[in-house]
Amino acid sequence: MRQVTTVLTVNTPGAGLHEITEGVRSWAEAQAIGEGLLTLFIRHTSASLVIQENADPAVRHDLDAFFHRLVAEDTRLYLHQDEGPDDMPAHIRAALTASHLSIPLLAGCLALGTWQGIYLFEHRHRPHPRQLVLHLLGE
């Protein structure tokens, strides 16, 4: 059994779903592990990780729009506003999604479905450098 880790930095241009599948796939496949489990963990509380459809860009647009309707950016609603009006809503959106993902590795490849992609879901308006810890365990 082997395990390997790395830290991947993703510079987001601002809010939205940003596909990171290829960077994750490239790193995982370069590790020469046939069967295993890849864990991705985001080191932030105002961004998250999701697996979602990667064929139609309208899906990403609709998800982002839905979360903006679900969690209002209304400063009257929140005490925490240290970094602006999108600060607390970003924390809530991150709490509703995931800070980590687990993806099996089969025959050295990520076992994603045909239309699945890995996304960093940036919940802040400004660009941010985001750190992801990737941990692969297998043989």
N, C-alpha and C. Protein backbone atom coordinates (compact mmCIF):
# COMPACT_ATOMS: atom_id res chain seq x y z
N MET A 1 0.85 -1.18 0.00
CA MET A 1 0.00 0.00 0.00
C MET A 1 0.89 1.24 0.00
N ARG A 2 0.57 2.19 -0.89
CA ARG A 2 1.31 3.45 -0.97
C ARG A 2 0.37 4.61 -0.70
N GLN A 3 0.94 5.69 -0.24
CA GLN A 3 0.17 6.93 -0.16
C GLN A 3 1.05 8.09 -0.57
N VAL A 4 0.44 9.02 -1.28
CA VAL A 4 1.14 10.21 -1.74
C VAL A 4 0.21 11.40 -1.55
N THR A 5 0.82 12.56 -1.33
CA THR A 5 0.05 13.79 -1.14
C THR A 5 0.69 14.92 -1.92
N THR A 6 -0.12 15.92 -2.20
CA THR A 6 0.38 17.16 -2.78
C THR A 6 -0.59 18.27 -2.43
N VAL A 7 -0.14 19.49 -2.62
CA VAL A 7 -1.01 20.66 -2.47
C VAL A 7 -1.10 21.32 -3.84
N LEU A 8 -2.33 21.47 -4.29
CA LEU A 8 -2.61 22.09 -5.58
C LEU A 8 -3.20 23.47 -5.32
N THR A 9 -2.61 24.51 -5.90
CA THR A 9 -3.16 25.86 -5.77
C THR A 9 -3.94 26.21 -7.02
N VAL A 10 -5.16 26.68 -6.81
CA VAL A 10 -6.04 27.09 -7.91
C VAL A 10 -6.36 28.56 -7.71
N ASN A 11 -6.04 29.38 -8.70
CA ASN A 11 -6.36 30.81 -8.64
C ASN A 11 -7.72 31.02 -9.30
N THR A 12 -8.72 31.34 -8.50
CA THR A 12 -10.05 31.53 -9.05
C THR A 12 -10.20 32.96 -9.57
N PRO A 13 -10.97 33.16 -10.63
CA PRO A 13 -11.21 34.51 -11.12
C PRO A 13 -12.33 35.23 -10.37
N GLY A 14 -12.97 34.53 -9.45
CA GLY A 14 -14.11 35.07 -8.70
C GLY A 14 -15.16 34.00 -8.57
N ALA A 15 -16.36 34.40 -8.19
CA ALA A 15 -17.44 33.46 -7.89
C ALA A 15 -17.78 32.56 -9.08
N GLY A 16 -18.19 31.34 -8.74
CA GLY A 16 -18.65 30.40 -9.75
C GLY A 16 -17.99 29.04 -9.59
N LEU A 17 -18.39 28.12 -10.47
CA LEU A 17 -17.84 26.77 -10.47
C LEU A 17 -16.70 26.71 -11.48
N HIS A 18 -15.51 26.37 -11.00
CA HIS A 18 -14.32 26.35 -11.83
C HIS A 18 -13.81 24.92 -11.92
N GLU A 19 -13.81 24.37 -13.12
CA GLU A 19 -13.45 22.96 -13.28
C GLU A 19 -11.96 22.75 -13.05
N ILE A 20 -11.65 21.74 -12.24
CA ILE A 20 -10.27 21.41 -11.90
C ILE A 20 -9.96 19.94 -12.22
N THR A 21 -10.84 19.30 -12.97
CA THR A 21 -10.71 17.87 -13.24
C THR A 21 -9.36 17.51 -13.84
N GLU A 22 -8.93 18.22 -14.85
CA GLU A 22 -7.70 17.82 -15.56
C GLU A 22 -6.47 17.92 -14.68
N GLY A 23 -6.37 18.96 -13.88
CA GLY A 23 -5.22 19.08 -12.97
C GLY A 23 -5.18 17.96 -11.95
N VAL A 24 -6.34 17.61 -11.41
CA VAL A 24 -6.44 16.53 -10.44
C VAL A 24 -6.14 15.20 -11.12
N ARG A 25 -6.75 14.98 -12.29
CA ARG A 25 -6.54 13.74 -13.03
C ARG A 25 -5.06 13.55 -13.40
N SER A 26 -4.44 14.59 -13.89
CA SER A 26 -3.03 14.49 -14.29
C SER A 26 -2.14 14.08 -13.12
N TRP A 27 -2.36 14.73 -11.98
CA TRP A 27 -1.55 14.40 -10.82
C TRP A 27 -1.81 12.96 -10.37
N ALA A 28 -3.08 12.57 -10.26
CA ALA A 28 -3.42 11.22 -9.78
C ALA A 28 -2.85 10.14 -10.69
N GLU A 29 -3.00 10.31 -11.98
CA GLU A 29 -2.52 9.30 -12.92
C GLU A 29 -1.00 9.21 -12.96
N ALA A 30 -0.32 10.32 -12.68
CA ALA A 30 1.15 10.32 -12.66
C ALA A 30 1.72 9.55 -11.47
N GLN A 31 0.90 9.21 -10.49
CA GLN A 31 1.37 8.52 -9.29
C GLN A 31 1.53 7.02 -9.50
N ALA A 32 1.07 6.51 -10.63
CA ALA A 32 1.21 5.08 -10.98
C ALA A 32 0.63 4.16 -9.91
N ILE A 33 -0.53 4.51 -9.41
CA ILE A 33 -1.28 3.66 -8.48
C ILE A 33 -2.47 3.11 -9.26
N GLY A 34 -2.61 1.80 -9.26
CA GLY A 34 -3.67 1.16 -10.05
C GLY A 34 -5.04 1.25 -9.42
N GLU A 35 -5.14 0.84 -8.17
CA GLU A 35 -6.43 0.85 -7.46
C GLU A 35 -6.24 1.63 -6.17
N GLY A 36 -7.17 2.53 -5.88
CA GLY A 36 -7.03 3.31 -4.66
C GLY A 36 -8.15 4.29 -4.47
N LEU A 37 -7.91 5.23 -3.57
CA LEU A 37 -8.89 6.24 -3.25
C LEU A 37 -8.20 7.59 -3.15
N LEU A 38 -8.71 8.54 -3.90
CA LEU A 38 -8.20 9.90 -3.89
C LEU A 38 -9.12 10.76 -3.03
N THR A 39 -8.54 11.46 -2.08
CA THR A 39 -9.29 12.41 -1.27
C THR A 39 -8.80 13.81 -1.63
N LEU A 40 -9.74 14.70 -1.88
CA LEU A 40 -9.45 16.11 -2.12
C LEU A 40 -10.03 16.90 -0.96
N PHE A 41 -9.26 17.82 -0.42
CA PHE A 41 -9.70 18.63 0.70
C PHE A 41 -9.35 20.08 0.42
N ILE A 42 -10.33 20.98 0.56
CA ILE A 42 -10.07 22.40 0.34
C ILE A 42 -9.82 23.07 1.69
N ARG A 43 -8.76 23.88 1.74
CA ARG A 43 -8.33 24.51 3.00
C ARG A 43 -8.97 25.88 3.21
N HIS A 44 -10.24 26.00 2.93
CA HIS A 44 -10.91 27.30 3.01
C HIS A 44 -12.34 27.14 3.50
N THR A 45 -12.89 28.22 4.06
CA THR A 45 -14.26 28.18 4.57
C THR A 45 -15.23 29.01 3.74
N SER A 46 -14.76 29.56 2.63
CA SER A 46 -15.65 30.34 1.77
C SER A 46 -15.58 29.85 0.32
N ALA A 47 -15.12 28.63 0.14
CA ALA A 47 -15.13 27.95 -1.15
C ALA A 47 -15.34 26.47 -0.85
N SER A 48 -15.74 25.71 -1.85
CA SER A 48 -16.04 24.30 -1.61
C SER A 48 -15.71 23.47 -2.84
N LEU A 49 -15.96 22.17 -2.73
CA LEU A 49 -15.71 21.23 -3.82
C LEU A 49 -17.01 20.51 -4.17
N VAL A 50 -17.24 20.31 -5.44
CA VAL A 50 -18.41 19.54 -5.89
C VAL A 50 -18.04 18.72 -7.12
N ILE A 51 -18.75 17.62 -7.28
CA ILE A 51 -18.70 16.86 -8.54
C ILE A 51 -20.01 17.18 -9.24
N GLN A 52 -19.90 17.59 -10.49
CA GLN A 52 -21.09 18.03 -11.21
C GLN A 52 -20.93 17.79 -12.70
N GLU A 53 -22.01 17.96 -13.43
CA GLU A 53 -21.98 17.77 -14.89
C GLU A 53 -20.97 18.71 -15.53
N ASN A 54 -20.21 18.17 -16.48
CA ASN A 54 -19.21 19.00 -17.16
C ASN A 54 -19.48 19.19 -18.64
N ALA A 55 -20.67 18.83 -19.11
CA ALA A 55 -20.98 18.95 -20.53
C ALA A 55 -21.65 20.28 -20.87
N ASP A 56 -22.67 20.66 -20.12
CA ASP A 56 -23.44 21.86 -20.43
C ASP A 56 -23.11 22.96 -19.44
N PRO A 57 -22.49 24.06 -19.90
CA PRO A 57 -22.14 25.17 -19.00
C PRO A 57 -23.36 25.78 -18.30
N ALA A 58 -24.55 25.58 -18.84
CA ALA A 58 -25.75 26.11 -18.21
C ALA A 58 -25.97 25.50 -16.82
N VAL A 59 -25.51 24.27 -16.62
CA VAL A 59 -25.64 23.63 -15.31
C VAL A 59 -24.86 24.42 -14.26
N ARG A 60 -23.63 24.80 -14.57
CA ARG A 60 -22.82 25.57 -13.64
C ARG A 60 -23.46 26.93 -13.36
N HIS A 61 -23.93 27.57 -14.39
CA HIS A 61 -24.60 28.86 -14.25
C HIS A 61 -25.82 28.74 -13.35
N ASP A 62 -26.66 27.73 -13.62
CA ASP A 62 -27.88 27.54 -12.84
C ASP A 62 -27.59 27.22 -11.38
N LEU A 63 -26.58 26.39 -11.11
CA LEU A 63 -26.21 26.07 -9.72
C LEU A 63 -25.75 27.32 -8.98
N ASP A 64 -24.89 28.10 -9.62
CA ASP A 64 -24.40 29.32 -8.99
C ASP A 64 -25.55 30.28 -8.73
N ALA A 65 -26.45 30.45 -9.68
CA ALA A 65 -27.60 31.33 -9.52
C ALA A 65 -28.51 30.83 -8.39
N PHE A 66 -28.71 29.52 -8.31
CA PHE A 66 -29.55 28.95 -7.26
C PHE A 66 -28.98 29.26 -5.88
N PHE A 67 -27.67 29.06 -5.70
CA PHE A 67 -27.06 29.32 -4.40
C PHE A 67 -27.12 30.80 -4.04
N HIS A 68 -27.04 31.68 -5.04
CA HIS A 68 -27.17 33.11 -4.75
C HIS A 68 -28.60 33.47 -4.34
N ARG A 69 -29.58 32.78 -4.90
CA ARG A 69 -30.97 33.00 -4.46
C ARG A 69 -31.20 32.39 -3.07
N LEU A 70 -30.63 31.22 -2.84
CA LEU A 70 -30.83 30.51 -1.58
C LEU A 70 -30.23 31.26 -0.39
N VAL A 71 -29.05 31.85 -0.60
CA VAL A 71 -28.34 32.55 0.48
C VAL A 71 -28.14 34.01 0.04
N ALA A 72 -29.02 34.85 0.54
CA ALA A 72 -29.02 36.26 0.14
C ALA A 72 -27.77 36.99 0.62
N GLU A 73 -27.32 37.93 -0.17
CA GLU A 73 -26.23 38.81 0.23
C GLU A 73 -26.84 40.11 0.75
N ASP A 74 -27.45 40.00 1.91
CA ASP A 74 -28.14 41.11 2.55
C ASP A 74 -27.46 41.35 3.90
N THR A 75 -26.75 42.45 4.02
CA THR A 75 -25.97 42.72 5.23
C THR A 75 -26.84 42.85 6.49
N ARG A 76 -28.14 43.04 6.33
CA ARG A 76 -29.02 43.10 7.51
C ARG A 76 -29.21 41.73 8.16
N LEU A 77 -28.85 40.65 7.46
CA LEU A 77 -29.09 39.30 7.95
C LEU A 77 -27.95 38.72 8.79
N TYR A 78 -26.74 39.30 8.70
CA TYR A 78 -25.57 38.65 9.27
C TYR A 78 -24.77 39.60 10.16
N LEU A 79 -24.23 39.06 11.25
CA LEU A 79 -23.30 39.82 12.09
C LEU A 79 -21.90 39.83 11.48
N HIS A 80 -21.48 38.69 10.94
CA HIS A 80 -20.12 38.55 10.39
C HIS A 80 -20.06 39.17 8.99
N GLN A 81 -19.32 40.28 8.89
CA GLN A 81 -19.16 40.97 7.60
C GLN A 81 -17.74 41.51 7.46
N ASP A 82 -16.78 40.83 8.07
CA ASP A 82 -15.42 41.32 8.13
C ASP A 82 -14.81 41.64 6.77
N GLU A 83 -15.16 40.86 5.77
CA GLU A 83 -14.54 41.05 4.44
C GLU A 83 -15.55 41.47 3.39
N GLY A 84 -16.66 42.05 3.79
CA GLY A 84 -17.63 42.57 2.84
C GLY A 84 -18.94 41.81 2.84
N PRO A 85 -19.87 42.25 2.01
CA PRO A 85 -21.22 41.68 2.02
C PRO A 85 -21.30 40.24 1.50
N ASP A 86 -20.28 39.77 0.81
CA ASP A 86 -20.31 38.37 0.33
C ASP A 86 -19.62 37.41 1.31
N ASP A 87 -19.11 37.93 2.43
CA ASP A 87 -18.33 37.12 3.36
C ASP A 87 -19.17 36.04 4.04
N MET A 88 -20.17 36.41 4.82
CA MET A 88 -20.97 35.40 5.51
C MET A 88 -21.77 34.53 4.54
N PRO A 89 -22.37 35.09 3.48
CA PRO A 89 -23.04 34.22 2.51
C PRO A 89 -22.10 33.16 1.93
N ALA A 90 -20.83 33.52 1.72
CA ALA A 90 -19.86 32.54 1.21
C ALA A 90 -19.65 31.41 2.21
N HIS A 91 -19.58 31.73 3.50
CA HIS A 91 -19.43 30.69 4.52
C HIS A 91 -20.65 29.76 4.55
N ILE A 92 -21.83 30.34 4.41
CA ILE A 92 -23.05 29.51 4.43
C ILE A 92 -23.09 28.60 3.20
N ARG A 93 -22.77 29.14 2.03
CA ARG A 93 -22.76 28.31 0.81
C ARG A 93 -21.74 27.18 0.92
N ALA A 94 -20.60 27.47 1.52
CA ALA A 94 -19.59 26.42 1.71
C ALA A 94 -20.09 25.36 2.67
N ALA A 95 -20.84 25.77 3.71
CA ALA A 95 -21.38 24.82 4.68
C ALA A 95 -22.43 23.91 4.04
N LEU A 96 -23.10 24.39 3.02
CA LEU A 96 -24.14 23.61 2.34
C LEU A 96 -23.58 22.66 1.29
N THR A 97 -22.31 22.81 0.97
CA THR A 97 -21.69 21.95 -0.04
C THR A 97 -20.64 21.08 0.66
N ALA A 98 -19.47 20.89 0.08
CA ALA A 98 -18.50 19.96 0.67
C ALA A 98 -17.11 20.58 0.74
N SER A 99 -16.39 20.24 1.81
CA SER A 99 -14.99 20.66 1.93
C SER A 99 -14.04 19.55 1.48
N HIS A 100 -14.60 18.35 1.23
CA HIS A 100 -13.75 17.26 0.73
C HIS A 100 -14.57 16.32 -0.17
N LEU A 101 -13.85 15.65 -1.05
CA LEU A 101 -14.42 14.66 -1.95
C LEU A 101 -13.56 13.41 -1.90
N SER A 102 -14.16 12.27 -2.14
CA SER A 102 -13.44 11.01 -2.27
C SER A 102 -13.79 10.41 -3.63
N ILE A 103 -12.77 10.08 -4.40
CA ILE A 103 -12.98 9.53 -5.74
C ILE A 103 -12.13 8.26 -5.88
N PRO A 104 -12.75 7.13 -6.21
CA PRO A 104 -11.98 5.91 -6.41
C PRO A 104 -11.07 6.02 -7.64
N LEU A 105 -9.99 5.28 -7.58
CA LEU A 105 -9.08 5.13 -8.71
C LEU A 105 -9.19 3.69 -9.17
N LEU A 106 -9.55 3.49 -10.43
CA LEU A 106 -9.68 2.15 -11.01
C LEU A 106 -8.75 2.05 -12.21
N ALA A 107 -7.92 1.03 -12.22
CA ALA A 107 -6.96 0.84 -13.32
C ALA A 107 -6.16 2.11 -13.58
N GLY A 108 -5.80 2.81 -12.50
CA GLY A 108 -4.97 4.00 -12.61
C GLY A 108 -5.69 5.27 -13.02
N CYS A 109 -7.02 5.21 -13.17
CA CYS A 109 -7.79 6.37 -13.63
C CYS A 109 -8.87 6.75 -12.63
N LEU A 110 -9.18 8.04 -12.57
CA LEU A 110 -10.29 8.48 -11.73
C LEU A 110 -11.57 7.82 -12.21
N ALA A 111 -12.36 7.30 -11.30
CA ALA A 111 -13.59 6.57 -11.65
C ALA A 111 -14.78 7.52 -11.76
N LEU A 112 -14.58 8.64 -12.44
CA LEU A 112 -15.67 9.59 -12.67
C LEU A 112 -16.56 9.09 -13.79
N GLY A 113 -17.84 9.44 -13.71
CA GLY A 113 -18.78 9.09 -14.77
C GLY A 113 -18.54 9.95 -16.01
N THR A 114 -19.17 9.58 -17.10
CA THR A 114 -18.98 10.24 -18.39
C THR A 114 -19.16 11.75 -18.31
N TRP A 115 -20.16 12.23 -17.60
CA TRP A 115 -20.47 13.65 -17.57
C TRP A 115 -20.05 14.33 -16.28
N GLN A 116 -19.23 13.66 -15.47
CA GLN A 116 -18.84 14.24 -14.19
C GLN A 116 -17.50 14.98 -14.27
N GLY A 117 -17.47 16.13 -13.64
CA GLY A 117 -16.25 16.90 -13.51
C GLY A 117 -16.09 17.32 -12.06
N ILE A 118 -14.86 17.64 -11.68
CA ILE A 118 -14.56 18.11 -10.32
C ILE A 118 -14.46 19.64 -10.40
N TYR A 119 -15.17 20.28 -9.48
CA TYR A 119 -15.22 21.74 -9.49
C TYR A 119 -14.84 22.33 -8.15
N LEU A 120 -14.07 23.40 -8.21
CA LEU A 120 -13.88 24.27 -7.06
C LEU A 120 -15.00 25.30 -7.17
N PHE A 121 -15.83 25.35 -6.16
CA PHE A 121 -16.97 26.27 -6.14
C PHE A 121 -16.57 27.49 -5.32
N GLU A 122 -16.18 28.54 -6.01
CA GLU A 122 -15.76 29.78 -5.35
C GLU A 122 -17.02 30.57 -4.98
N HIS A 123 -17.11 30.91 -3.69
CA HIS A 123 -18.29 31.62 -3.21
C HIS A 123 -18.05 33.11 -2.97
N ARG A 124 -16.84 33.57 -3.20
CA ARG A 124 -16.52 34.99 -3.03
C ARG A 124 -16.46 35.66 -4.40
N HIS A 125 -16.74 36.97 -4.43
CA HIS A 125 -16.75 37.70 -5.70
C HIS A 125 -15.34 37.96 -6.24
N ARG A 126 -14.40 38.24 -5.34
CA ARG A 126 -13.03 38.57 -5.76
C ARG A 126 -12.25 37.30 -6.11
N PRO A 127 -11.22 37.43 -6.93
CA PRO A 127 -10.32 36.29 -7.18
C PRO A 127 -9.60 35.89 -5.89
N HIS A 128 -9.35 34.59 -5.75
CA HIS A 128 -8.65 34.07 -4.58
C HIS A 128 -7.73 32.92 -4.98
N PRO A 129 -6.55 32.83 -4.38
CA PRO A 129 -5.75 31.60 -4.52
C PRO A 129 -6.30 30.59 -3.51
N ARG A 130 -6.70 29.43 -3.99
CA ARG A 130 -7.28 28.40 -3.12
C ARG A 130 -6.36 27.19 -3.10
N GLN A 131 -6.17 26.62 -1.93
CA GLN A 131 -5.31 25.45 -1.78
C GLN A 131 -6.15 24.20 -1.58
N LEU A 132 -5.78 23.18 -2.34
CA LEU A 132 -6.41 21.87 -2.23
C LEU A 132 -5.34 20.87 -1.83
N VAL A 133 -5.63 20.05 -0.84
CA VAL A 133 -4.74 18.95 -0.48
C VAL A 133 -5.28 17.71 -1.16
N LEU A 134 -4.42 17.04 -1.93
CA LEU A 134 -4.77 15.79 -2.58
C LEU A 134 -4.02 14.66 -1.88
N HIS A 135 -4.75 13.61 -1.51
CA HIS A 135 -4.16 12.47 -0.83
C HIS A 135 -4.62 11.23 -1.54
N LEU A 136 -3.68 10.46 -2.06
CA LEU A 136 -3.99 9.24 -2.79
C LEU A 136 -3.42 8.05 -2.03
N LEU A 137 -4.30 7.09 -1.76
CA LEU A 137 -3.93 5.86 -1.05
C LEU A 137 -4.31 4.68 -1.92
N GLY A 138 -3.37 3.78 -2.15
CA GLY A 138 -3.68 2.61 -2.98
C GLY A 138 -2.45 1.80 -3.31
N GLU A 139 -2.64 0.92 -4.29
CA GLU A 139 -1.52 0.07 -4.73
C GLU A 139 -1.61 -0.20 -6.21
